Amino acid sequence: MKLKKKPASKESKKARIVTQKSEEAMIQGIIEGSPDAVGIAVIRLKCGCRKMAAVDQNGEPASKVIIYRDSAESICAECKQDNGSYIRVKESFIHWIEPAPGEYARAMIESKVFGTSPQVH
């Protein structure tokens, strides 16, 4: 008898999203230039480009938004045109700086930074 795997819930998928090796240097650079930051918002786009920005304890920007693409001199043509539209977001998460804020504060910051989506009950 074969057991079917349960599809991963949104929460468990979000918990598994981690910083990729190629993103770590950029994140460290943003942290160094943003003393008020409690985390770095990382948005991975379907085209392969990434958007990052530091966020403070109130969920407000603590740095400028940076758009970049690994091993490329420039971002893609689509991102140049639409500035990395939210419609093309593949994954998004916040890389928390230790000591990370409490669970309630993290949830508030994430909803302020990324917005909320309807929940299926």
PDB file of N, CA and C in Angstrom:
ATOM      1  N   MET A   1       0.841  -1.175   0.000  1.00  0.00           N
ATOM      2  CA  MET A   1       0.000   0.000   0.000  1.00  0.00           C
ATOM      3  C   MET A   1       0.887   1.238   0.000  1.00  0.00           C
ATOM      4  N   LYS A   2       0.635   2.118  -0.957  1.00  0.00           N
ATOM      5  CA  LYS A   2       1.411   3.346  -1.053  1.00  0.00           C
ATOM      6  C   LYS A   2       0.731   4.450  -0.266  1.00  0.00           C
ATOM      7  N   LEU A   3       1.534   5.192   0.450  1.00  0.00           N
ATOM      8  CA  LEU A   3       1.015   6.348   1.174  1.00  0.00           C
ATOM      9  C   LEU A   3       1.219   7.592   0.333  1.00  0.00           C
ATOM     10  N   LYS A   4       0.180   8.408   0.269  1.00  0.00           N
ATOM     11  CA  LYS A   4       0.291   9.659  -0.471  1.00  0.00           C
ATOM     12  C   LYS A   4       0.882  10.723   0.434  1.00  0.00           C
ATOM     13  N   LYS A   5       1.779  11.496  -0.135  1.00  0.00           N
ATOM     14  CA  LYS A   5       2.351  12.600   0.628  1.00  0.00           C
ATOM     15  C   LYS A   5       1.343  13.730   0.693  1.00  0.00           C
ATOM     16  N   LYS A   6       1.254  14.330   1.865  1.00  0.00           N
ATOM     17  CA  LYS A   6       0.396  15.491   2.026  1.00  0.00           C
ATOM     18  C   LYS A   6       1.075  16.678   1.368  1.00  0.00           C
ATOM     19  N   PRO A   7       0.310  17.511   0.651  1.00  0.00           N
ATOM     20  CA  PRO A   7       0.936  18.705   0.090  1.00  0.00           C
ATOM     21  C   PRO A   7       1.415  19.617   1.217  1.00  0.00           C
ATOM     22  N   ALA A   8       2.549  20.255   0.998  1.00  0.00           N
ATOM     23  CA  ALA A   8       3.109  21.146   2.025  1.00  0.00           C
ATOM     24  C   ALA A   8       2.196  22.343   2.231  1.00  0.00           C
ATOM     25  N   SER A   9       1.968  22.675   3.470  1.00  0.00           N
ATOM     26  CA  SER A   9       1.148  23.844   3.767  1.00  0.00           C
ATOM     27  C   SER A   9       1.950  25.096   3.469  1.00  0.00           C
ATOM     28  N   LYS A  10       1.266  26.223   3.346  1.00  0.00           N
ATOM     29  CA  LYS A  10       1.918  27.500   3.075  1.00  0.00           C
ATOM     30  C   LYS A  10       2.915  27.828   4.176  1.00  0.00           C
ATOM     31  N   GLU A  11       2.555  27.545   5.422  1.00  0.00           N
ATOM     32  CA  GLU A  11       3.436  27.853   6.551  1.00  0.00           C
ATOM     33  C   GLU A  11       4.708  27.020   6.503  1.00  0.00           C
ATOM     34  N   SER A  12       4.582  25.707   6.219  1.00  0.00           N
ATOM     35  CA  SER A  12       5.782  24.874   6.213  1.00  0.00           C
ATOM     36  C   SER A  12       6.665  25.217   5.023  1.00  0.00           C
ATOM     37  N   LYS A  13       6.064  25.594   3.887  1.00  0.00           N
ATOM     38  CA  LYS A  13       6.851  26.011   2.727  1.00  0.00           C
ATOM     39  C   LYS A  13       7.610  27.288   3.053  1.00  0.00           C
ATOM     40  N   LYS A  14       6.942  28.247   3.688  1.00  0.00           N
ATOM     41  CA  LYS A  14       7.572  29.514   4.039  1.00  0.00           C
ATOM     42  C   LYS A  14       8.719  29.291   5.017  1.00  0.00           C
ATOM     43  N   ALA A  15       8.560  28.348   5.922  1.00  0.00           N
ATOM     44  CA  ALA A  15       9.597  28.065   6.909  1.00  0.00           C
ATOM     45  C   ALA A  15      10.835  27.459   6.248  1.00  0.00           C
ATOM     46  N   ARG A  16      10.656  26.799   5.098  1.00  0.00           N
ATOM     47  CA  ARG A  16      11.777  26.159   4.416  1.00  0.00           C
ATOM     48  C   ARG A  16      12.546  27.108   3.505  1.00  0.00           C
ATOM     49  N   ILE A  17      11.972  28.256   3.168  1.00  0.00           N
ATOM     50  CA  ILE A  17      12.664  29.191   2.287  1.00  0.00           C
ATOM     51  C   ILE A  17      13.831  29.792   3.053  1.00  0.00           C
ATOM     52  N   VAL A  18      15.015  29.579   2.533  1.00  0.00           N
ATOM     53  CA  VAL A  18      16.215  30.083   3.201  1.00  0.00           C
ATOM     54  C   VAL A  18      17.067  30.860   2.201  1.00  0.00           C
ATOM     55  N   THR A  19      17.988  31.592   2.739  1.00  0.00           N
ATOM     56  CA  THR A  19      18.895  32.386   1.931  1.00  0.00           C
ATOM     57  C   THR A  19      19.801  31.484   1.106  1.00  0.00           C
ATOM     58  N   GLN A  20      19.917  31.789  -0.182  1.00  0.00           N
ATOM     59  CA  GLN A  20      20.827  31.049  -1.039  1.00  0.00           C
ATOM     60  C   GLN A  20      22.227  31.631  -0.895  1.00  0.00           C
ATOM     61  N   LYS A  21      23.218  30.820  -1.159  1.00  0.00           N
ATOM     62  CA  LYS A  21      24.621  31.233  -1.029  1.00  0.00           C
ATOM     63  C   LYS A  21      24.882  32.522  -1.813  1.00  0.00           C
ATOM     64  N   SER A  22      24.324  32.619  -3.011  1.00  0.00           N
ATOM     65  CA  SER A  22      24.561  33.787  -3.857  1.00  0.00           C
ATOM     66  C   SER A  22      23.939  35.065  -3.291  1.00  0.00           C
ATOM     67  N   GLU A  23      22.979  34.930  -2.387  1.00  0.00           N
ATOM     68  CA  GLU A  23      22.310  36.100  -1.804  1.00  0.00           C
ATOM     69  C   GLU A  23      22.997  36.605  -0.536  1.00  0.00           C
ATOM     70  N   GLU A  24      23.806  35.766   0.086  1.00  0.00           N
ATOM     71  CA  GLU A  24      24.376  36.097   1.393  1.00  0.00           C
ATOM     72  C   GLU A  24      25.247  37.349   1.391  1.00  0.00           C
ATOM     73  N   ALA A  25      26.102  37.519   0.380  1.00  0.00           N
ATOM     74  CA  ALA A  25      26.978  38.696   0.328  1.00  0.00           C
ATOM     75  C   ALA A  25      26.161  39.975   0.181  1.00  0.00           C
ATOM     76  N   MET A  26      25.146  39.933  -0.656  1.00  0.00           N
ATOM     77  CA  MET A  26      24.295  41.111  -0.847  1.00  0.00           C
ATOM     78  C   MET A  26      23.561  41.440   0.451  1.00  0.00           C
ATOM     79  N   ILE A  27      23.059  40.434   1.131  1.00  0.00           N
ATOM     80  CA  ILE A  27      22.357  40.645   2.403  1.00  0.00           C
ATOM     81  C   ILE A  27      23.294  41.270   3.429  1.00  0.00           C
ATOM     82  N   GLN A  28      24.518  40.760   3.530  1.00  0.00           N
ATOM     83  CA  GLN A  28      25.478  41.312   4.494  1.00  0.00           C
ATOM     84  C   GLN A  28      25.801  42.769   4.180  1.00  0.00           C
ATOM     85  N   GLY A  29      25.921  43.096   2.903  1.00  0.00           N
ATOM     86  CA  GLY A  29      26.177  44.482   2.506  1.00  0.00           C
ATOM     87  C   GLY A  29      25.037  45.405   2.890  1.00  0.00           C
ATOM     88  N   ILE A  30      23.802  44.939   2.708  1.00  0.00           N
ATOM     89  CA  ILE A  30      22.633  45.746   3.072  1.00  0.00           C
ATOM     90  C   ILE A  30      22.585  45.927   4.585  1.00  0.00           C
ATOM     91  N   ILE A  31      22.866  44.869   5.332  1.00  0.00           N
ATOM     92  CA  ILE A  31      22.857  44.943   6.799  1.00  0.00           C
ATOM     93  C   ILE A  31      23.879  45.972   7.286  1.00  0.00           C
ATOM     94  N   GLU A  32      25.087  45.938   6.718  1.00  0.00           N
ATOM     95  CA  GLU A  32      26.136  46.877   7.133  1.00  0.00           C
ATOM     96  C   GLU A  32      25.737  48.329   6.897  1.00  0.00           C
ATOM     97  N   GLY A  33      24.998  48.580   5.830  1.00  0.00           N
ATOM     98  CA  GLY A  33      24.596  49.948   5.510  1.00  0.00           C
ATOM     99  C   GLY A  33      23.272  50.365   6.113  1.00  0.00           C
ATOM    100  N   SER A  34      22.659  49.509   6.916  1.00  0.00           N
ATOM    101  CA  SER A  34      21.332  49.791   7.477  1.00  0.00           C
ATOM    102  C   SER A  34      21.308  49.479   8.967  1.00  0.00           C
ATOM    103  N   PRO A  35      21.785  50.398   9.802  1.00  0.00           N
ATOM    104  CA  PRO A  35      21.866  50.122  11.242  1.00  0.00           C
ATOM    105  C   PRO A  35      20.511  49.910  11.926  1.00  0.00           C
ATOM    106  N   ASP A  36      19.429  50.424  11.350  1.00  0.00           N
ATOM    107  CA  ASP A  36      18.101  50.263  11.950  1.00  0.00           C
ATOM    108  C   ASP A  36      17.405  48.971  11.530  1.00  0.00           C
ATOM    109  N   ALA A  37      18.028  48.193  10.657  1.00  0.00           N
ATOM    110  CA  ALA A  37      17.384  46.999  10.106  1.00  0.00           C
ATOM    111  C   ALA A  37      17.236  45.886  11.138  1.00  0.00           C
ATOM    112  N   VAL A  38      16.078  45.211  11.091  1.00  0.00           N
ATOM    113  CA  VAL A  38      15.863  43.996  11.883  1.00  0.00           C
ATOM    114  C   VAL A  38      15.814  42.784  10.956  1.00  0.00           C
ATOM    115  N   GLY A  39      15.733  43.052   9.650  1.00  0.00           N
ATOM    116  CA  GLY A  39      15.688  41.979   8.672  1.00  0.00           C
ATOM    117  C   GLY A  39      15.850  42.519   7.267  1.00  0.00           C
ATOM    118  N   ILE A  40      16.041  41.598   6.328  1.00  0.00           N
ATOM    119  CA  ILE A  40      16.175  41.946   4.921  1.00  0.00           C
ATOM    120  C   ILE A  40      15.071  41.222   4.160  1.00  0.00           C
ATOM    121  N   ALA A  41      14.210  41.995   3.491  1.00  0.00           N
ATOM    122  CA  ALA A  41      13.168  41.405   2.654  1.00  0.00           C
ATOM    123  C   ALA A  41      13.824  40.930   1.363  1.00  0.00           C
ATOM    124  N   VAL A  42      13.600  39.665   1.023  1.00  0.00           N
ATOM    125  CA  VAL A  42      14.162  39.071  -0.186  1.00  0.00           C
ATOM    126  C   VAL A  42      13.000  38.622  -1.058  1.00  0.00           C
ATOM    127  N   ILE A  43      12.976  39.118  -2.284  1.00  0.00           N
ATOM    128  CA  ILE A  43      11.923  38.747  -3.232  1.00  0.00           C
ATOM    129  C   ILE A  43      12.595  38.143  -4.453  1.00  0.00           C
ATOM    130  N   ARG A  44      12.291  36.888  -4.721  1.00  0.00           N
ATOM    131  CA  ARG A  44      12.830  36.198  -5.892  1.00  0.00           C
ATOM    132  C   ARG A  44      11.773  36.247  -6.993  1.00  0.00           C
ATOM    133  N   LEU A  45      12.179  36.721  -8.151  1.00  0.00           N
ATOM    134  CA  LEU A  45      11.259  36.846  -9.278  1.00  0.00           C
ATOM    135  C   LEU A  45      11.417  35.666 -10.233  1.00  0.00           C
ATOM    136  N   LYS A  46      10.379  35.390 -11.003  1.00  0.00           N
ATOM    137  CA  LYS A  46      10.381  34.255 -11.934  1.00  0.00           C
ATOM    138  C   LYS A  46      11.471  34.386 -12.996  1.00  0.00           C
ATOM    139  N   CYS A  47      11.876  35.615 -13.306  1.00  0.00           N
ATOM    140  CA  CYS A  47      12.895  35.853 -14.335  1.00  0.00           C
ATOM    141  C   CYS A  47      14.305  35.549 -13.837  1.00  0.00           C
ATOM    142  N   GLY A  48      14.472  35.367 -12.518  1.00  0.00           N
ATOM    143  CA  GLY A  48      15.794  35.110 -11.951  1.00  0.00           C
ATOM    144  C   GLY A  48      16.388  36.315 -11.244  1.00  0.00           C
ATOM    145  N   CYS A  49      15.791  37.483 -11.421  1.00  0.00           N
ATOM    146  CA  CYS A  49      16.256  38.675 -10.708  1.00  0.00           C
ATOM    147  C   CYS A  49      15.769  38.605  -9.261  1.00  0.00           C
ATOM    148  N   ARG A  50      16.404  39.408  -8.400  1.00  0.00           N
ATOM    149  CA  ARG A  50      16.016  39.468  -6.987  1.00  0.00           C
ATOM    150  C   ARG A  50      15.895  40.914  -6.558  1.00  0.00           C
ATOM    151  N   LYS A  51      14.941  41.146  -5.667  1.00  0.00           N
ATOM    152  CA  LYS A  51      14.790  42.463  -5.052  1.00  0.00           C
ATOM    153  C   LYS A  51      15.057  42.283  -3.563  1.00  0.00           C
ATOM    154  N   MET A  52      15.797  43.227  -2.976  1.00  0.00           N
ATOM    155  CA  MET A  52      16.089  43.162  -1.545  1.00  0.00           C
ATOM    156  C   MET A  52      16.040  44.561  -0.960  1.00  0.00           C
ATOM    157  N   ALA A  53      15.634  44.623   0.306  1.00  0.00           N
ATOM    158  CA  ALA A  53      15.666  45.885   1.048  1.00  0.00           C
ATOM    159  C   ALA A  53      15.645  45.569   2.531  1.00  0.00           C
ATOM    160  N   ALA A  54      16.290  46.421   3.310  1.00  0.00           N
ATOM    161  CA  ALA A  54      16.264  46.280   4.763  1.00  0.00           C
ATOM    162  C   ALA A  54      14.927  46.796   5.277  1.00  0.00           C
ATOM    163  N   VAL A  55      14.435  46.193   6.360  1.00  0.00           N
ATOM    164  CA  VAL A  55      13.213  46.664   7.012  1.00  0.00           C
ATOM    165  C   VAL A  55      13.504  46.908   8.488  1.00  0.00           C
ATOM    166  N   ASP A  56      12.835  47.926   9.047  1.00  0.00           N
ATOM    167  CA  ASP A  56      13.049  48.228  10.463  1.00  0.00           C
ATOM    168  C   ASP A  56      11.995  47.544  11.322  1.00  0.00           C
ATOM    169  N   GLN A  57      12.017  47.805  12.623  1.00  0.00           N
ATOM    170  CA  GLN A  57      11.121  47.126  13.567  1.00  0.00           C
ATOM    171  C   GLN A  57       9.650  47.454  13.350  1.00  0.00           C
ATOM    172  N   ASN A  58       9.349  48.511  12.585  1.00  0.00           N
ATOM    173  CA  ASN A  58       7.962  48.871  12.295  1.00  0.00           C
ATOM    174  C   ASN A  58       7.517  48.393  10.917  1.00  0.00           C
ATOM    175  N   GLY A  59       8.385  47.675  10.217  1.00  0.00           N
ATOM    176  CA  GLY A  59       8.055  47.192   8.880  1.00  0.00           C
ATOM    177  C   GLY A  59       8.268  48.236   7.802  1.00  0.00           C
ATOM    178  N   GLU A  60       8.930  49.331   8.156  1.00  0.00           N
ATOM    179  CA  GLU A  60       9.224  50.400   7.199  1.00  0.00           C
ATOM    180  C   GLU A  60      10.572  50.124   6.536  1.00  0.00           C
ATOM    181  N   PRO A  61      10.772  50.649   5.317  1.00  0.00           N
ATOM    182  CA  PRO A  61      12.069  50.461   4.661  1.00  0.00           C
ATOM    183  C   PRO A  61      13.198  51.097   5.464  1.00  0.00           C
ATOM    184  N   ALA A  62      14.308  50.389   5.579  1.00  0.00           N
ATOM    185  CA  ALA A  62      15.493  50.914   6.263  1.00  0.00           C
ATOM    186  C   ALA A  62      16.649  51.038   5.275  1.00  0.00           C
ATOM    187  N   SER A  63      16.354  50.827   3.985  1.00  0.00           N
ATOM    188  CA  SER A  63      17.343  50.994   2.919  1.00  0.00           C
ATOM    189  C   SER A  63      16.584  51.189   1.613  1.00  0.00           C
ATOM    190  N   LYS A  64      17.331  51.483   0.564  1.00  0.00           N
ATOM    191  CA  LYS A  64      16.727  51.534  -0.764  1.00  0.00           C
ATOM    192  C   LYS A  64      16.502  50.102  -1.242  1.00  0.00           C
ATOM    193  N   VAL A  65      15.556  49.928  -2.167  1.00  0.00           N
ATOM    194  CA  VAL A  65      15.318  48.614  -2.768  1.00  0.00           C
ATOM    195  C   VAL A  65      16.402  48.378  -3.817  1.00  0.00           C
ATOM    196  N   ILE A  66      17.015  47.216  -3.750  1.00  0.00           N
ATOM    197  CA  ILE A  66      18.067  46.842  -4.692  1.00  0.00           C
ATOM    198  C   ILE A  66      17.529  45.718  -5.564  1.00  0.00           C
ATOM    199  N   ILE A  67      17.663  45.863  -6.881  1.00  0.00           N
ATOM    200  CA  ILE A  67      17.296  44.794  -7.815  1.00  0.00           C
ATOM    201  C   ILE A  67      18.591  44.335  -8.478  1.00  0.00           C
ATOM    202  N   TYR A  68      18.834  43.028  -8.466  1.00  0.00           N
ATOM    203  CA  TYR A  68      20.041  42.512  -9.106  1.00  0.00           C
ATOM    204  C   TYR A  68      19.788  41.118  -9.658  1.00  0.00           C
ATOM    205  N   ARG A  69      20.725  40.660 -10.453  1.00  0.00           N
ATOM    206  CA  ARG A  69      20.666  39.327 -11.054  1.00  0.00           C
ATOM    207  C   ARG A  69      22.057  38.719 -10.942  1.00  0.00           C
ATOM    208  N   ASP A  70      22.130  37.480 -10.466  1.00  0.00           N
ATOM    209  CA  ASP A  70      23.421  36.797 -10.309  1.00  0.00           C
ATOM    210  C   ASP A  70      24.169  36.700 -11.640  1.00  0.00           C
ATOM    211  N   SER A  71      25.471  36.866 -11.589  1.00  0.00           N
ATOM    212  CA  SER A  71      26.365  36.685 -12.742  1.00  0.00           C
ATOM    213  C   SER A  71      25.918  37.467 -13.970  1.00  0.00           C
ATOM    214  N   ALA A  72      25.367  38.635 -13.768  1.00  0.00           N
ATOM    215  CA  ALA A  72      24.939  39.467 -14.889  1.00  0.00           C
ATOM    216  C   ALA A  72      25.354  40.907 -14.622  1.00  0.00           C
ATOM    217  N   GLU A  73      25.618  41.633 -15.692  1.00  0.00           N
ATOM    218  CA  GLU A  73      25.988  43.033 -15.543  1.00  0.00           C
ATOM    219  C   GLU A  73      24.780  43.892 -15.196  1.00  0.00           C
ATOM    220  N   SER A  74      23.604  43.412 -15.569  1.00  0.00           N
ATOM    221  CA  SER A  74      22.399  44.211 -15.391  1.00  0.00           C
ATOM    222  C   SER A  74      21.203  43.303 -15.124  1.00  0.00           C
ATOM    223  N   ILE A  75      20.112  43.897 -14.662  1.00  0.00           N
ATOM    224  CA  ILE A  75      18.873  43.144 -14.475  1.00  0.00           C
ATOM    225  C   ILE A  75      18.242  42.872 -15.837  1.00  0.00           C
ATOM    226  N   CYS A  76      17.245  42.003 -15.888  1.00  0.00           N
ATOM    227  CA  CYS A  76      16.620  41.625 -17.156  1.00  0.00           C
ATOM    228  C   CYS A  76      15.785  42.771 -17.735  1.00  0.00           C
ATOM    229  N   ALA A  77      15.429  42.640 -19.004  1.00  0.00           N
ATOM    230  CA  ALA A  77      14.657  43.674 -19.699  1.00  0.00           C
ATOM    231  C   ALA A  77      13.286  43.881 -19.058  1.00  0.00           C
ATOM    232  N   GLU A  78      12.665  42.770 -18.605  1.00  0.00           N
ATOM    233  CA  GLU A  78      11.350  42.894 -17.954  1.00  0.00           C
ATOM    234  C   GLU A  78      11.432  43.743 -16.694  1.00  0.00           C
ATOM    235  N   CYS A  79      12.444  43.480 -15.868  1.00  0.00           N
ATOM    236  CA  CYS A  79      12.604  44.242 -14.623  1.00  0.00           C
ATOM    237  C   CYS A  79      12.941  45.700 -14.905  1.00  0.00           C
ATOM    238  N   LYS A  80      13.704  45.941 -15.972  1.00  0.00           N
ATOM    239  CA  LYS A  80      13.997  47.325 -16.351  1.00  0.00           C
ATOM    240  C   LYS A  80      12.709  48.059 -16.704  1.00  0.00           C
ATOM    241  N   GLN A  81      11.781  47.340 -17.325  1.00  0.00           N
ATOM    242  CA  GLN A  81      10.535  47.954 -17.767  1.00  0.00           C
ATOM    243  C   GLN A  81       9.535  48.128 -16.624  1.00  0.00           C
ATOM    244  N   ASP A  82       9.349  47.083 -15.790  1.00  0.00           N
ATOM    245  CA  ASP A  82       8.295  47.150 -14.763  1.00  0.00           C
ATOM    246  C   ASP A  82       8.824  47.195 -13.332  1.00  0.00           C
ATOM    247  N   ASN A  83      10.144  47.331 -13.168  1.00  0.00           N
ATOM    248  CA  ASN A  83      10.761  47.446 -11.842  1.00  0.00           C
ATOM    249  C   ASN A  83      10.512  46.214 -10.967  1.00  0.00           C
ATOM    250  N   GLY A  84      10.441  45.046 -11.584  1.00  0.00           N
ATOM    251  CA  GLY A  84      10.244  43.801 -10.830  1.00  0.00           C
ATOM    252  C   GLY A  84       8.841  43.684 -10.268  1.00  0.00           C
ATOM    253  N   SER A  85       7.854  43.674 -11.132  1.00  0.00           N
ATOM    254  CA  SER A  85       6.443  43.650 -10.738  1.00  0.00           C
ATOM    255  C   SER A  85       6.109  42.504  -9.780  1.00  0.00           C
ATOM    256  N   TYR A  86       5.227  42.794  -8.830  1.00  0.00           N
ATOM    257  CA  TYR A  86       4.797  41.779  -7.853  1.00  0.00           C
ATOM    258  C   TYR A  86       4.096  40.604  -8.523  1.00  0.00           C
ATOM    259  N   ILE A  87       3.596  40.789  -9.718  1.00  0.00           N
ATOM    260  CA  ILE A  87       2.903  39.722 -10.445  1.00  0.00           C
ATOM    261  C   ILE A  87       3.875  38.583 -10.768  1.00  0.00           C
ATOM    262  N   ARG A  88       5.160  38.907 -10.876  1.00  0.00           N
ATOM    263  CA  ARG A  88       6.167  37.912 -11.250  1.00  0.00           C
ATOM    264  C   ARG A  88       6.938  37.358 -10.057  1.00  0.00           C
ATOM    265  N   VAL A  89       6.434  37.549  -8.844  1.00  0.00           N
ATOM    266  CA  VAL A  89       7.115  37.050  -7.645  1.00  0.00           C
ATOM    267  C   VAL A  89       7.006  35.531  -7.573  1.00  0.00           C
ATOM    268  N   LYS A  90       8.158  34.888  -7.373  1.00  0.00           N
ATOM    269  CA  LYS A  90       8.210  33.432  -7.224  1.00  0.00           C
ATOM    270  C   LYS A  90       8.227  33.063  -5.741  1.00  0.00           C
ATOM    271  N   GLU A  91       9.078  33.730  -4.974  1.00  0.00           N
ATOM    272  CA  GLU A  91       9.190  33.492  -3.529  1.00  0.00           C
ATOM    273  C   GLU A  91       9.534  34.805  -2.848  1.00  0.00           C
ATOM    274  N   SER A  92       9.090  34.920  -1.601  1.00  0.00           N
ATOM    275  CA  SER A  92       9.463  36.096  -0.810  1.00  0.00           C
ATOM    276  C   SER A  92       9.561  35.692   0.655  1.00  0.00           C
ATOM    277  N   PHE A  93      10.524  36.271   1.338  1.00  0.00           N
ATOM    278  CA  PHE A  93      10.716  35.985   2.758  1.00  0.00           C
ATOM    279  C   PHE A  93      11.563  37.091   3.362  1.00  0.00           C
ATOM    280  N   ILE A  94      11.670  37.082   4.676  1.00  0.00           N
ATOM    281  CA  ILE A  94      12.539  38.030   5.362  1.00  0.00           C
ATOM    282  C   ILE A  94      13.655  37.243   6.035  1.00  0.00           C
ATOM    283  N   HIS A  95      14.879  37.658   5.751  1.00  0.00           N
ATOM    284  CA  HIS A  95      16.062  37.098   6.418  1.00  0.00           C
ATOM    285  C   HIS A  95      16.229  37.916   7.693  1.00  0.00           C
ATOM    286  N   TRP A  96      15.942  37.311   8.849  1.00  0.00           N
ATOM    287  CA  TRP A  96      15.961  38.037  10.120  1.00  0.00           C
ATOM    288  C   TRP A  96      17.372  38.161  10.661  1.00  0.00           C
ATOM    289  N   ILE A  97      17.674  39.320  11.209  1.00  0.00           N
ATOM    290  CA  ILE A  97      18.954  39.574  11.857  1.00  0.00           C
ATOM    291  C   ILE A  97      18.800  39.179  13.318  1.00  0.00           C
ATOM    292  N   GLU A  98      19.750  38.404  13.835  1.00  0.00           N
ATOM    293  CA  GLU A  98      19.689  37.962  15.233  1.00  0.00           C
ATOM    294  C   GLU A  98      20.084  39.086  16.169  1.00  0.00           C
ATOM    295  N   PRO A  99      19.432  39.274  17.274  1.00  0.00           N
ATOM    296  CA  PRO A  99      18.259  38.531  17.734  1.00  0.00           C
ATOM    297  C   PRO A  99      17.014  38.987  16.968  1.00  0.00           C
ATOM    298  N   ALA A 100      16.297  38.027  16.423  1.00  0.00           N
ATOM    299  CA  ALA A 100      15.106  38.321  15.629  1.00  0.00           C
ATOM    300  C   ALA A 100      13.982  38.819  16.530  1.00  0.00           C
ATOM    301  N   PRO A 101      13.090  39.646  15.984  1.00  0.00           N
ATOM    302  CA  PRO A 101      11.929  40.083  16.767  1.00  0.00           C
ATOM    303  C   PRO A 101      11.058  38.886  17.152  1.00  0.00           C
ATOM    304  N   GLY A 102      10.155  39.091  18.088  1.00  0.00           N
ATOM    305  CA  GLY A 102       9.238  38.039  18.511  1.00  0.00           C
ATOM    306  C   GLY A 102       8.305  37.618  17.388  1.00  0.00           C
ATOM    307  N   GLU A 103       7.599  36.522  17.604  1.00  0.00           N
ATOM    308  CA  GLU A 103       6.715  35.954  16.581  1.00  0.00           C
ATOM    309  C   GLU A 103       5.656  36.950  16.109  1.00  0.00           C
ATOM    310  N   TYR A 104       5.017  37.659  17.050  1.00  0.00           N
ATOM    311  CA  TYR A 104       3.976  38.625  16.693  1.00  0.00           C
ATOM    312  C   TYR A 104       4.567  39.761  15.854  1.00  0.00           C
ATOM    313  N   ALA A 105       5.713  40.280  16.263  1.00  0.00           N
ATOM    314  CA  ALA A 105       6.362  41.377  15.532  1.00  0.00           C
ATOM    315  C   ALA A 105       6.771  40.917  14.133  1.00  0.00           C
ATOM    316  N   ARG A 106       7.296  39.688  14.011  1.00  0.00           N
ATOM    317  CA  ARG A 106       7.677  39.165  12.692  1.00  0.00           C
ATOM    318  C   ARG A 106       6.461  39.066  11.778  1.00  0.00           C
ATOM    319  N   ALA A 107       5.345  38.566  12.311  1.00  0.00           N
ATOM    320  CA  ALA A 107       4.122  38.440  11.509  1.00  0.00           C
ATOM    321  C   ALA A 107       3.630  39.810  11.056  1.00  0.00           C
ATOM    322  N   MET A 108       3.680  40.805  11.941  1.00  0.00           N
ATOM    323  CA  MET A 108       3.248  42.160  11.599  1.00  0.00           C
ATOM    324  C   MET A 108       4.142  42.745  10.504  1.00  0.00           C
ATOM    325  N   ILE A 109       5.445  42.578  10.661  1.00  0.00           N
ATOM    326  CA  ILE A 109       6.387  43.121   9.678  1.00  0.00           C
ATOM    327  C   ILE A 109       6.193  42.439   8.323  1.00  0.00           C
ATOM    328  N   GLU A 110       6.061  41.113   8.318  1.00  0.00           N
ATOM    329  CA  GLU A 110       5.864  40.381   7.063  1.00  0.00           C
ATOM    330  C   GLU A 110       4.592  40.813   6.351  1.00  0.00           C
ATOM    331  N   SER A 111       3.493  40.987   7.094  1.00  0.00           N
ATOM    332  CA  SER A 111       2.247  41.398   6.444  1.00  0.00           C
ATOM    333  C   SER A 111       2.339  42.830   5.929  1.00  0.00           C
ATOM    334  N   LYS A 112       3.084  43.675   6.615  1.00  0.00           N
ATOM    335  CA  LYS A 112       3.249  45.057   6.161  1.00  0.00           C
ATOM    336  C   LYS A 112       4.145  45.122   4.920  1.00  0.00           C
ATOM    337  N   VAL A 113       5.182  44.313   4.897  1.00  0.00           N
ATOM    338  CA  VAL A 113       6.128  44.327   3.783  1.00  0.00           C
ATOM    339  C   VAL A 113       5.550  43.639   2.548  1.00  0.00           C
ATOM    340  N   PHE A 114       4.980  42.445   2.722  1.00  0.00           N
ATOM    341  CA  PHE A 114       4.525  41.647   1.590  1.00  0.00           C
ATOM    342  C   PHE A 114       3.024  41.716   1.348  1.00  0.00           C
ATOM    343  N   GLY A 115       2.278  42.295   2.275  1.00  0.00           N
ATOM    344  CA  GLY A 115       0.827  42.310   2.161  1.00  0.00           C
ATOM    345  C   GLY A 115       0.251  40.999   2.664  1.00  0.00           C
ATOM    346  N   THR A 116      -1.034  40.887   2.578  1.00  0.00           N
ATOM    347  CA  THR A 116      -1.700  39.661   3.007  1.00  0.00           C
ATOM    348  C   THR A 116      -2.418  39.057   1.821  1.00  0.00           C
ATOM    349  N   SER A 117      -2.654  37.772   1.883  1.00  0.00           N
ATOM    350  CA  SER A 117      -3.386  37.095   0.821  1.00  0.00           C
ATOM    351  C   SER A 117      -4.563  36.371   1.447  1.00  0.00           C
ATOM    352  N   PRO A 118      -5.626  36.171   0.675  1.00  0.00           N
ATOM    353  CA  PRO A 118      -6.797  35.485   1.227  1.00  0.00           C
ATOM    354  C   PRO A 118      -6.447  34.070   1.669  1.00  0.00           C
ATOM    355  N   GLN A 119      -7.020  33.652   2.768  1.00  0.00           N
ATOM    356  CA  GLN A 119      -6.795  32.309   3.293  1.00  0.00           C
ATOM    357  C   GLN A 119      -7.979  31.420   2.925  1.00  0.00           C
ATOM    358  N   VAL A 120      -7.711  30.204   2.479  1.00  0.00           N
ATOM    359  CA  VAL A 120      -8.759  29.243   2.154  1.00  0.00           C
ATOM    360  C   VAL A 120      -9.060  28.451   3.415  1.00  0.00           C
ATOM    361  N   HIS A 121     -10.319  28.420   3.809  1.00  0.00           N
ATOM    362  CA  HIS A 121     -10.704  27.699   5.029  1.00  0.00           C
ATOM    363  C   HIS A 121     -11.390  26.403   4.690  1.00  0.00           C
TER     364      HIS A 121
END
